[in-house]
Each structure stands twice: as C-alpha cells, then as structure tokens.
Amino acid sequence: MKSIILFFIFIIVFIITRFYFRHIYSLRSKGKGFEFVYVENDGVVRELDEEERAYLSENFYPTDGNRPYIKTRYRQLTPDGKISGFIRRVRVPKRIEIKEG
C-alpha cells in the first residue's frame, strides 16, 4: 500500500515538473525589448513592429475570436500546422537569434 502511494506521489511530481519546464521555465533572460517576439514560417525570430506591439497590448476577452495566438514553445505549431506566431521572448531558446524588425 505504501509503495502505491509513493508511486502516485512520484507521478504527480513528475507531471508538475514536466509542465513547469515545458511551459513556464525561462529559456533566456528577459533582455531588452518588448515582452513578445514573432516566429516566421521559416523559424526566424524577429522583433515586433509598432502595429504588432499595439495589437498585443490590447485587452482581449477569452472568448474573443480576434485575440492573438500566443505560442508557449518555440517548436509548437499553430492549429493550421505552421511554426509562425507570437511567443514570449523568454521562451525562445538561447541558440535562436532574435533579429531586428
């Protein structure tokens, strides 16, 4: 009985740890610039222009169909199978260079 409880505790800790490192853990320091960057279809990451910054600074309701799609991981694909999309700067791997807009 004790080993079953320890097993479930291990599974819960494993799931929480995996979620943390996959979705929350920063892959780089905050650095300078806006909180978000954009991943192009070819995988190049670039800074946002003023129009995109203004768009991401707006308040959106959770059910708003016009709200931006924010990726949680660099390699994450959009619902239509593309790699492009907005992502938090700290979630871009250090090996990927962020180019000027």
C-alpha atoms as a PDB file:
ATOM      1  CA  MET A   1       0.000   0.000   0.000  1.00  0.00           C
ATOM      2  CA  LYS A   2       2.805   2.400   0.894  1.00  0.00           C
ATOM      3  CA  SER A   3       4.589   1.745  -2.397  1.00  0.00           C
ATOM      4  CA  ILE A   4       1.400   2.531  -4.353  1.00  0.00           C
ATOM      5  CA  ILE A   5       1.062   5.886  -2.581  1.00  0.00           C
ATOM      6  CA  LEU A   6       4.729   6.693  -3.253  1.00  0.00           C
ATOM      7  CA  PHE A   7       4.249   5.747  -6.887  1.00  0.00           C
ATOM      8  CA  PHE A   8       1.307   8.158  -7.261  1.00  0.00           C
ATOM      9  CA  ILE A   9       3.235  10.920  -5.492  1.00  0.00           C
ATOM     10  CA  PHE A  10       6.132  10.348  -7.902  1.00  0.00           C
ATOM     11  CA  ILE A  11       3.764  10.532 -10.901  1.00  0.00           C
ATOM     12  CA  ILE A  12       2.200  13.781  -9.650  1.00  0.00           C
ATOM     13  CA  VAL A  13       5.607  15.375  -9.004  1.00  0.00           C
ATOM     14  CA  PHE A  14       6.802  14.241 -12.450  1.00  0.00           C
ATOM     15  CA  ILE A  15       3.766  15.780 -14.185  1.00  0.00           C
ATOM     16  CA  ILE A  16       4.117  19.086 -12.315  1.00  0.00           C
ATOM     17  CA  THR A  17       7.866  19.258 -13.038  1.00  0.00           C
ATOM     18  CA  ARG A  18       7.366  18.497 -16.712  1.00  0.00           C
ATOM     19  CA  PHE A  19       4.650  21.148 -17.017  1.00  0.00           C
ATOM     20  CA  TYR A  20       6.887  23.730 -15.303  1.00  0.00           C
ATOM     21  CA  PHE A  21       9.889  23.154 -17.565  1.00  0.00           C
ATOM     22  CA  ARG A  22       7.780  22.877 -20.713  1.00  0.00           C
ATOM     23  CA  HIS A  23       5.520  25.900 -20.270  1.00  0.00           C
ATOM     24  CA  ILE A  24       6.825  28.239 -17.562  1.00  0.00           C
ATOM     25  CA  TYR A  25      10.623  27.990 -17.231  1.00  0.00           C
ATOM     26  CA  SER A  26      12.513  30.837 -18.940  1.00  0.00           C
ATOM     27  CA  LEU A  27      14.928  29.738 -21.654  1.00  0.00           C
ATOM     28  CA  ARG A  28      16.731  33.094 -21.766  1.00  0.00           C
ATOM     29  CA  SER A  29      16.964  36.274 -19.702  1.00  0.00           C
ATOM     30  CA  LYS A  30      14.295  38.954 -20.241  1.00  0.00           C
ATOM     31  CA  GLY A  31      16.678  41.197 -22.120  1.00  0.00           C
ATOM     32  CA  LYS A  32      15.714  44.446 -23.777  1.00  0.00           C
ATOM     33  CA  GLY A  33      12.683  44.975 -25.921  1.00  0.00           C
ATOM     34  CA  PHE A  34       9.020  44.091 -25.903  1.00  0.00           C
ATOM     35  CA  GLU A  35       7.769  41.044 -23.981  1.00  0.00           C
ATOM     36  CA  PHE A  36       6.818  39.216 -27.195  1.00  0.00           C
ATOM     37  CA  VAL A  37       8.597  38.416 -30.472  1.00  0.00           C
ATOM     38  CA  TYR A  38       7.381  36.796 -33.696  1.00  0.00           C
ATOM     39  CA  VAL A  39       8.438  33.450 -35.195  1.00  0.00           C
ATOM     40  CA  GLU A  40       8.305  33.491 -39.001  1.00  0.00           C
ATOM     41  CA  ASN A  41       7.315  30.452 -41.126  1.00  0.00           C
ATOM     42  CA  ASP A  42      10.985  29.654 -41.753  1.00  0.00           C
ATOM     43  CA  GLY A  43      11.765  29.660 -37.986  1.00  0.00           C
ATOM     44  CA  VAL A  44      13.470  33.071 -37.890  1.00  0.00           C
ATOM     45  CA  VAL A  45      12.552  35.070 -34.777  1.00  0.00           C
ATOM     46  CA  ARG A  46      12.196  38.833 -35.127  1.00  0.00           C
ATOM     47  CA  GLU A  47      11.242  41.844 -33.023  1.00  0.00           C
ATOM     48  CA  LEU A  48       7.727  43.232 -33.396  1.00  0.00           C
ATOM     49  CA  ASP A  49       6.868  46.432 -35.221  1.00  0.00           C
ATOM     50  CA  GLU A  50       4.789  49.175 -33.571  1.00  0.00           C
ATOM     51  CA  GLU A  51       1.489  47.934 -35.019  1.00  0.00           C
ATOM     52  CA  GLU A  52       2.050  44.408 -33.670  1.00  0.00           C
ATOM     53  CA  ARG A  53       3.048  45.772 -30.255  1.00  0.00           C
ATOM     54  CA  ALA A  54      -0.132  47.842 -30.094  1.00  0.00           C
ATOM     55  CA  TYR A  55      -2.191  44.796 -31.087  1.00  0.00           C
ATOM     56  CA  LEU A  56      -0.645  42.646 -28.337  1.00  0.00           C
ATOM     57  CA  SER A  57      -1.089  45.427 -25.780  1.00  0.00           C
ATOM     58  CA  GLU A  58      -4.875  45.417 -26.231  1.00  0.00           C
ATOM     59  CA  ASN A  59      -7.144  43.671 -23.729  1.00  0.00           C
ATOM     60  CA  PHE A  60      -8.955  40.641 -25.148  1.00  0.00           C
ATOM     61  CA  TYR A  61     -11.747  38.527 -23.702  1.00  0.00           C
ATOM     62  CA  PRO A  62     -11.027  34.782 -23.526  1.00  0.00           C
ATOM     63  CA  THR A  63     -13.854  34.085 -25.999  1.00  0.00           C
ATOM     64  CA  ASP A  64     -12.763  36.792 -28.460  1.00  0.00           C
ATOM     65  CA  GLY A  65     -12.054  35.138 -31.809  1.00  0.00           C
ATOM     66  CA  ASN A  66      -9.769  38.031 -32.799  1.00  0.00           C
ATOM     67  CA  ARG A  67      -7.326  37.568 -29.910  1.00  0.00           C
ATOM     68  CA  PRO A  68      -3.742  36.708 -30.894  1.00  0.00           C
ATOM     69  CA  TYR A  69      -2.443  33.152 -30.797  1.00  0.00           C
ATOM     70  CA  ILE A  70       0.478  33.049 -28.334  1.00  0.00           C
ATOM     71  CA  LYS A  71       2.759  30.029 -28.572  1.00  0.00           C
ATOM     72  CA  THR A  72       4.142  28.501 -25.353  1.00  0.00           C
ATOM     73  CA  ARG A  73       7.092  26.746 -27.041  1.00  0.00           C
ATOM     74  CA  TYR A  74       9.286  27.680 -29.991  1.00  0.00           C
ATOM     75  CA  ARG A  75       8.617  24.430 -31.902  1.00  0.00           C
ATOM     76  CA  GLN A  76       4.882  24.497 -31.216  1.00  0.00           C
ATOM     77  CA  LEU A  77       2.788  24.527 -34.373  1.00  0.00           C
ATOM     78  CA  THR A  78      -0.291  26.650 -34.903  1.00  0.00           C
ATOM     79  CA  PRO A  79      -3.664  24.952 -35.445  1.00  0.00           C
ATOM     80  CA  ASP A  80      -3.048  25.110 -39.205  1.00  0.00           C
ATOM     81  CA  GLY A  81       0.352  23.343 -38.883  1.00  0.00           C
ATOM     82  CA  LYS A  82       2.704  26.324 -39.241  1.00  0.00           C
ATOM     83  CA  ILE A  83       5.520  27.315 -36.877  1.00  0.00           C
ATOM     84  CA  SER A  84       4.812  31.040 -37.183  1.00  0.00           C
ATOM     85  CA  GLY A  85       3.260  33.030 -34.361  1.00  0.00           C
ATOM     86  CA  PHE A  86       3.804  35.276 -31.372  1.00  0.00           C
ATOM     87  CA  ILE A  87       5.830  33.930 -28.451  1.00  0.00           C
ATOM     88  CA  ARG A  88       7.168  35.350 -25.197  1.00  0.00           C
ATOM     89  CA  ARG A  89      10.774  36.461 -25.560  1.00  0.00           C
ATOM     90  CA  VAL A  90      11.885  34.359 -22.561  1.00  0.00           C
ATOM     91  CA  ARG A  91      10.507  31.176 -24.225  1.00  0.00           C
ATOM     92  CA  VAL A  92      12.784  31.461 -27.272  1.00  0.00           C
ATOM     93  CA  PRO A  93      15.802  29.112 -26.903  1.00  0.00           C
ATOM     94  CA  LYS A  94      19.154  30.863 -26.342  1.00  0.00           C
ATOM     95  CA  ARG A  95      20.594  29.353 -29.532  1.00  0.00           C
ATOM     96  CA  ILE A  96      17.993  31.200 -31.648  1.00  0.00           C
ATOM     97  CA  GLU A  97      18.957  34.767 -32.557  1.00  0.00           C
ATOM     98  CA  ILE A  98      16.264  37.442 -32.297  1.00  0.00           C
ATOM     99  CA  LYS A  99      16.590  39.698 -35.348  1.00  0.00           C
ATOM    100  CA  GLU A 100      15.581  43.343 -35.516  1.00  0.00           C
ATOM    101  CA  GLY A 101      12.162  44.015 -37.108  1.00  0.00           C
END
